[in-house]
Protein backbone atom coordinates (compact mmCIF):
# COMPACT_ATOMS: atom_id res chain seq x y z
CA MET A 1 17.81 -7.11 11.73
CA THR A 2 16.91 -4.01 9.73
CA GLU A 3 17.31 -2.83 6.16
CA ARG A 4 17.54 0.77 4.94
CA ILE A 5 15.02 1.84 2.31
CA ALA A 6 13.81 5.09 0.77
CA LEU A 7 10.47 6.22 2.17
CA PHE A 8 7.66 7.90 0.24
CA PRO A 9 5.37 9.48 2.86
CA LEU A 10 1.83 9.94 1.54
CA ARG A 11 -1.66 10.65 2.81
CA THR A 12 -2.69 7.18 1.71
CA VAL A 13 -2.04 3.57 2.69
CA LEU A 14 -0.76 0.83 0.40
CA PHE A 15 -1.35 -2.86 1.03
CA PRO A 16 0.75 -5.79 -0.18
CA GLU A 17 -0.37 -6.52 -3.77
CA GLY A 18 -2.31 -3.26 -3.84
CA VAL A 19 -1.85 -0.95 -6.82
CA LEU A 20 -1.02 2.73 -6.33
CA PRO A 21 -0.80 5.24 -9.21
CA LEU A 22 1.34 8.28 -8.40
CA ARG A 23 2.27 11.57 -10.08
CA ILE A 24 5.87 12.44 -9.34
CA PHE A 25 7.06 16.05 -9.48
CA GLU A 26 9.33 16.75 -6.50
CA THR A 27 13.05 16.42 -7.23
CA ARG A 28 13.67 14.16 -4.23
CA TYR A 29 11.11 11.64 -5.53
CA LEU A 30 12.16 11.94 -9.19
CA ASP A 31 15.67 11.00 -8.05
CA MET A 32 14.27 8.17 -5.92
CA VAL A 33 12.29 6.77 -8.88
CA ARG A 34 15.37 6.92 -11.14
CA ARG A 35 17.40 5.08 -8.50
CA CYS A 36 14.66 2.46 -8.03
CA LEU A 37 14.48 1.81 -11.78
CA ARG A 38 18.26 1.74 -12.19
CA GLU A 39 18.88 -0.55 -9.20
CA GLN A 40 15.68 -2.58 -9.66
CA THR A 41 14.58 -1.92 -6.13
CA GLY A 42 11.60 -0.24 -4.50
CA PHE A 43 10.59 2.20 -1.80
CA GLY A 44 8.42 2.28 1.30
CA VAL A 45 4.98 3.86 1.23
CA VAL A 46 4.09 5.15 4.67
CA LEU A 47 1.13 7.19 5.93
CA ILE A 48 1.67 10.81 6.99
CA HIS A 49 -0.01 11.48 10.35
CA ALA A 50 1.15 15.11 10.55
CA GLY A 51 2.59 17.40 7.90
CA ASP A 52 2.16 17.70 4.16
CA GLU A 53 3.06 15.50 1.19
CA VAL A 54 4.81 18.46 -0.40
CA GLY A 55 7.34 20.20 1.82
CA THR A 56 7.71 19.47 5.50
CA ILE A 57 6.64 16.06 6.74
CA GLY A 58 6.15 15.57 10.44
CA GLU A 59 4.83 12.42 12.07
CA LEU A 60 4.66 9.17 10.09
CA ALA A 61 2.98 5.86 10.80
CA ASP A 62 5.34 3.16 12.05
CA THR A 63 4.00 0.53 9.63
CA GLY A 64 4.12 0.80 5.86
CA THR A 65 4.41 -1.27 2.68
CA PHE A 66 7.41 -1.76 0.41
CA ALA A 67 6.47 -1.14 -3.22
CA ARG A 68 8.04 -1.66 -6.63
CA ILE A 69 7.40 0.36 -9.76
CA VAL A 70 5.50 -1.77 -12.28
CA ASP A 71 4.77 0.92 -14.88
CA PHE A 72 5.83 4.47 -15.64
CA GLY A 73 5.35 7.16 -18.27
CA GLN A 74 4.97 10.86 -18.88
CA LEU A 75 1.64 12.60 -18.39
CA PRO A 76 0.33 15.24 -20.84
CA ASP A 77 1.34 17.95 -18.34
CA GLY A 78 4.94 16.68 -18.43
CA LEU A 79 4.89 15.08 -14.98
CA LEU A 80 6.14 11.57 -14.38
CA SER A 81 3.45 8.98 -13.75
CA ILE A 82 4.24 5.69 -12.03
CA VAL A 83 2.24 2.70 -10.89
CA ALA A 84 3.57 0.97 -7.78
CA ARG A 85 2.54 -2.44 -6.48
CA GLY A 86 2.81 -3.25 -2.79
CA GLU A 87 4.93 -6.23 -1.81
CA ARG A 88 5.45 -6.59 1.94
CA ARG A 89 4.87 -4.74 5.16
CA PHE A 90 7.53 -3.21 7.38
CA ARG A 91 7.94 -1.36 10.67
CA ILE A 92 10.16 1.70 10.81
CA ARG A 93 12.77 1.41 13.55
CA HIS A 94 14.68 4.60 12.70
CA ARG A 95 14.12 7.43 10.25
CA GLU A 96 16.60 9.88 8.76
CA LEU A 97 16.21 12.89 6.48
CA GLN A 98 18.77 13.31 3.69
CA LYS A 99 20.00 16.76 2.60
CA ASP A 100 17.84 16.51 -0.54
CA GLY A 101 14.72 16.01 1.62
CA LEU A 102 14.32 12.27 0.98
CA HIS A 103 13.36 10.24 4.00
CA LEU A 104 15.24 7.00 4.66
CA GLY A 105 14.07 4.35 7.08
CA ASP A 106 15.74 1.47 8.82
CA VAL A 107 12.93 -1.05 8.62
CA GLU A 108 12.15 -4.45 10.00
CA TRP A 109 10.12 -6.70 7.70
CA ILE A 110 6.81 -8.06 8.97
CA ALA A 111 6.13 -11.68 8.08
CA ASP A 112 2.68 -12.13 6.58
CA PRO A 113 0.83 -15.42 6.85
CA ALA A 114 1.28 -17.81 3.95
CA PRO A 115 -0.58 -16.58 0.86
CA THR A 116 -2.43 -19.87 0.74
CA ALA A 117 -4.43 -19.08 3.89
CA ALA A 118 -7.59 -20.43 2.29
CA LEU A 119 -11.01 -19.01 2.97
CA ALA A 120 -13.86 -21.46 3.29
CA SER A 121 -16.17 -21.19 0.31
CA ASP A 122 -18.93 -19.70 2.49
CA ALA A 123 -16.70 -17.29 4.46
CA PHE A 124 -17.42 -13.55 4.13
CA PRO A 125 -19.69 -13.86 1.07
CA GLU A 126 -20.73 -10.18 1.15
CA LEU A 127 -17.12 -8.99 1.24
CA ARG A 128 -16.09 -11.28 -1.60
CA ALA A 129 -19.07 -10.21 -3.70
CA MET A 130 -18.27 -6.56 -2.98
CA LEU A 131 -14.64 -7.05 -4.03
CA ALA A 132 -15.62 -8.87 -7.23
CA HIS A 133 -18.03 -6.04 -8.09
CA VAL A 134 -15.43 -3.32 -7.43
CA LEU A 135 -12.79 -5.13 -9.50
CA ASP A 136 -15.29 -5.63 -12.35
CA GLU A 137 -16.15 -1.91 -12.25
CA LEU A 138 -12.49 -0.84 -12.25
CA GLY A 139 -11.47 -3.29 -14.96
CA GLU A 140 -8.11 -2.48 -16.54
CA ALA A 141 -7.86 0.77 -14.56
CA TYR A 142 -6.79 -1.34 -11.56
CA PRO A 143 -4.40 -4.08 -12.75
CA CYS A 144 -4.67 -6.41 -9.75
CA GLY A 145 -3.44 -9.49 -11.59
CA GLU A 146 -4.99 -12.88 -11.07
CA ARG A 147 -7.94 -12.83 -8.69
CA ARG A 148 -7.45 -15.11 -5.70
CA MET A 149 -10.83 -14.92 -4.00
CA GLU A 150 -10.04 -17.96 -1.83
CA ASP A 151 -6.87 -16.33 -0.40
CA ALA A 152 -7.71 -14.47 2.82
CA LEU A 153 -4.60 -12.30 2.67
CA TRP A 154 -5.23 -11.24 -0.94
CA VAL A 155 -8.93 -10.53 -0.37
CA SER A 156 -8.33 -8.52 2.80
CA GLY A 157 -5.52 -6.53 1.18
CA GLN A 158 -7.52 -5.70 -1.96
CA LEU A 159 -10.53 -4.66 0.11
CA GLY A 160 -8.32 -2.55 2.36
CA GLN A 161 -6.86 -0.89 -0.72
CA LEU A 162 -10.10 -0.26 -2.58
CA LEU A 163 -12.96 0.35 -0.18
CA PRO A 164 -13.93 3.96 0.60
CA VAL A 165 -12.82 4.00 4.23
CA SER A 166 -10.83 6.56 6.21
CA THR A 167 -7.04 6.47 6.07
CA ALA A 168 -7.01 5.89 9.85
CA PHE A 169 -9.17 2.76 9.39
CA ARG A 170 -7.01 1.64 6.47
CA GLN A 171 -3.84 2.07 8.55
CA ARG A 172 -5.30 0.08 11.47
CA LEU A 173 -6.20 -2.65 8.99
CA LEU A 174 -2.65 -2.71 7.56
CA GLU A 175 -1.20 -3.11 11.05
CA ILE A 176 -3.23 -6.28 11.77
CA ASP A 177 -1.16 -9.41 11.15
CA SER A 178 -4.04 -11.87 10.72
CA ALA A 179 -5.85 -11.79 7.37
CA LEU A 180 -8.97 -13.26 9.00
CA GLU A 181 -8.96 -10.52 11.66
CA ARG A 182 -8.72 -7.94 8.86
CA LEU A 183 -11.73 -9.52 7.15
CA GLU A 184 -13.67 -9.54 10.41
CA MET A 185 -12.91 -5.83 10.90
CA LEU A 186 -14.00 -5.08 7.32
CA ASP A 187 -17.15 -7.15 7.72
CA ALA A 188 -18.05 -5.35 10.94
CA ALA A 189 -17.56 -1.98 9.21
CA ARG A 190 -19.67 -3.14 6.25
CA ALA A 191 -22.46 -4.29 8.57
CA THR A 192 -22.37 -0.93 10.41
CA ASP A 193 -22.64 1.01 7.14
CA ALA A 194 -25.43 -1.19 5.77
């Protein structure tokens, strides 16, 4: 069973519970944001494989993350600023382009493992320390909410969101269903870079 949602194609990847600040200036997305706020709904963030964020968008990733607007305001330059928080992953089954240029997707929701998938206290100590350090450095600039360092899904999602890795790596990470497999992939990348 699918559900139709508005899509916001970007050159970035959003993870569930990840935080994504955006500057909105295109009419199609200003209208989408107004509709999301009015109807208290969200939109799908999906990676652009080919094309541009502004103008023509070609190939998109099949997997993305549904997001809700958690903050908004006007920037000094007059543009709209929003902060979106990822909620759950989806797979696009069909995509359609509206006359106003907004992409719509018929999506199938991907079930994530229970958020209580506990990490053993000695599991992935370097990754957890790295995440704690990054969150401390970002402080209020990245409002991640309560830290759940024992939750494998939360830790893997926050690392996927924050670490300086390629968008291709980030997208592969998002597509993995197992939080522990995500952590293993991140740990292997960390060890390679060390």
